[in-house]
C-alpha atoms as a PDB file:
ATOM      1  CA  MET A   1     -11.757  15.690 -25.659  1.00  0.00           C
ATOM      2  CA  ASP A   2      -9.583  13.608 -27.996  1.00  0.00           C
ATOM      3  CA  GLU A   3      -6.525  14.464 -25.939  1.00  0.00           C
ATOM      4  CA  GLN A   4      -7.965  12.718 -22.875  1.00  0.00           C
ATOM      5  CA  LYS A   5      -8.663   9.535 -24.848  1.00  0.00           C
ATOM      6  CA  ASP A   6      -5.081   9.349 -26.098  1.00  0.00           C
ATOM      7  CA  VAL A   7      -3.554   9.390 -22.605  1.00  0.00           C
ATOM      8  CA  LYS A   8      -2.460   5.885 -21.623  1.00  0.00           C
ATOM      9  CA  TRP A   9      -3.343   4.557 -18.183  1.00  0.00           C
ATOM     10  CA  TYR A  10       0.308   4.058 -17.294  1.00  0.00           C
ATOM     11  CA  ASN A  11       1.001   7.772 -17.712  1.00  0.00           C
ATOM     12  CA  ASN A  12      -1.279   8.557 -14.771  1.00  0.00           C
ATOM     13  CA  ARG A  13       0.864   8.749 -11.610  1.00  0.00           C
ATOM     14  CA  ALA A  14      -1.945   7.728  -9.240  1.00  0.00           C
ATOM     15  CA  LYS A  15      -2.751   4.618 -11.282  1.00  0.00           C
ATOM     16  CA  VAL A  16       0.912   3.620 -11.438  1.00  0.00           C
ATOM     17  CA  ILE A  17       1.349   3.987  -7.678  1.00  0.00           C
ATOM     18  CA  PHE A  18      -1.847   2.041  -7.009  1.00  0.00           C
ATOM     19  CA  SER A  19      -0.804  -0.746  -9.368  1.00  0.00           C
ATOM     20  CA  LEU A  20       2.607  -0.958  -7.680  1.00  0.00           C
ATOM     21  CA  GLN A  21       0.855  -1.561  -4.368  1.00  0.00           C
ATOM     22  CA  ALA A  22      -2.032  -3.755  -5.490  1.00  0.00           C
ATOM     23  CA  PHE A  23      -0.533  -5.669  -8.439  1.00  0.00           C
ATOM     24  CA  PRO A  24       3.276  -5.408  -8.314  1.00  0.00           C
ATOM     25  CA  PRO A  25       4.068  -7.065 -11.677  1.00  0.00           C
ATOM     26  CA  LEU A  26       1.597  -4.790 -13.445  1.00  0.00           C
ATOM     27  CA  GLY A  27       2.925  -1.819 -11.468  1.00  0.00           C
ATOM     28  CA  ILE A  28       6.495  -2.507 -12.514  1.00  0.00           C
ATOM     29  CA  TYR A  29       5.403  -2.661 -16.155  1.00  0.00           C
ATOM     30  CA  ALA A  30       3.464   0.578 -15.742  1.00  0.00           C
ATOM     31  CA  LEU A  31       6.410   2.287 -14.070  1.00  0.00           C
ATOM     32  CA  LEU A  32       8.782   1.293 -16.860  1.00  0.00           C
ATOM     33  CA  ARG A  33       6.382   2.441 -19.594  1.00  0.00           C
ATOM     34  CA  SER A  34       5.326   5.655 -17.869  1.00  0.00           C
ATOM     35  CA  THR A  35       6.451   9.065 -19.022  1.00  0.00           C
ATOM     36  CA  ALA A  36       4.964  10.698 -15.908  1.00  0.00           C
ATOM     37  CA  PHE A  37       8.077   9.839 -13.886  1.00  0.00           C
ATOM     38  CA  THR A  38      11.625  10.968 -14.533  1.00  0.00           C
ATOM     39  CA  PRO A  39      14.349   8.320 -14.784  1.00  0.00           C
ATOM     40  CA  LYS A  40      15.649   9.405 -11.351  1.00  0.00           C
ATOM     41  CA  GLN A  41      12.205   8.908  -9.799  1.00  0.00           C
ATOM     42  CA  LYS A  42      11.924   5.487 -11.431  1.00  0.00           C
ATOM     43  CA  TRP A  43      15.252   4.432  -9.915  1.00  0.00           C
ATOM     44  CA  LEU A  44      14.173   5.662  -6.481  1.00  0.00           C
ATOM     45  CA  VAL A  45      10.992   3.600  -6.697  1.00  0.00           C
ATOM     46  CA  VAL A  46      12.948   0.534  -7.832  1.00  0.00           C
ATOM     47  CA  LEU A  47      15.390   0.946  -4.937  1.00  0.00           C
ATOM     48  CA  GLY A  48      12.516   1.366  -2.469  1.00  0.00           C
ATOM     49  CA  VAL A  49      10.687  -1.732  -3.670  1.00  0.00           C
ATOM     50  CA  SER A  50      13.940  -3.714  -3.643  1.00  0.00           C
ATOM     51  CA  ALA A  51      14.641  -2.575  -0.083  1.00  0.00           C
ATOM     52  CA  LEU A  52      11.184  -3.686   1.046  1.00  0.00           C
ATOM     53  CA  ILE A  53      11.633  -7.100  -0.551  1.00  0.00           C
ATOM     54  CA  GLY A  54      15.031  -7.385   1.118  1.00  0.00           C
ATOM     55  CA  VAL A  55      13.564  -6.526   4.523  1.00  0.00           C
ATOM     56  CA  PHE A  56      10.812  -9.130   4.073  1.00  0.00           C
ATOM     57  CA  ILE A  57      13.324 -11.812   3.127  1.00  0.00           C
ATOM     58  CA  TYR A  58      15.816 -10.913   5.854  1.00  0.00           C
ATOM     59  CA  SER A  59      13.249 -10.732   8.636  1.00  0.00           C
ATOM     60  CA  GLY A  60      11.349 -13.858   7.611  1.00  0.00           C
ATOM     61  CA  ILE A  61       8.014 -12.052   7.468  1.00  0.00           C
ATOM     62  CA  GLY A  62       6.873 -14.278   4.608  1.00  0.00           C
ATOM     63  CA  ALA A  63       7.415 -17.457   6.626  1.00  0.00           C
ATOM     64  CA  LYS A  64       5.661 -15.956   9.643  1.00  0.00           C
ATOM     65  CA  MET A  65       2.686 -14.953   7.487  1.00  0.00           C
ATOM     66  CA  ASN A  66       2.421 -18.475   6.029  1.00  0.00           C
ATOM     67  CA  SER A  67       2.348 -19.916   9.538  1.00  0.00           C
ATOM     68  CA  PHE A  68      -0.263 -17.384  10.617  1.00  0.00           C
ATOM     69  CA  VAL A  69      -2.529 -18.015   7.622  1.00  0.00           C
ATOM     70  CA  PHE A  70      -2.163 -21.775   7.986  1.00  0.00           C
ATOM     71  CA  GLY A  71      -3.167 -21.459  11.647  1.00  0.00           C
ATOM     72  CA  LEU A  72      -6.260 -19.453  10.757  1.00  0.00           C
ATOM     73  CA  PHE A  73      -7.680 -22.266   8.651  1.00  0.00           C
ATOM     74  CA  THR A  74      -6.562 -25.297  10.641  1.00  0.00           C
ATOM     75  CA  GLY A  75      -6.463 -24.092  14.234  1.00  0.00           C
ATOM     76  CA  GLU A  76      -2.809 -25.050  14.568  1.00  0.00           C
ATOM     77  CA  SER A  77       0.485 -23.567  13.487  1.00  0.00           C
ATOM     78  CA  LEU A  78       3.449 -24.960  11.578  1.00  0.00           C
END
């Protein structure tokens, strides 16, 4: 019973993965603090997240999403 209380939330793999998807800054912190992942797995996750950010920047998805959201609320696009 006491053993379960001593386990930190960032040592739970499911919670770390969820926080990486839902709250990236918190997820990065959790990933760095976690002992549930090996250093190799941590590097793979970092490379994957970096690749996704690079794809978003290169393809301009962020700018397209801003235009789309702006159009939803105003009826026009940028």
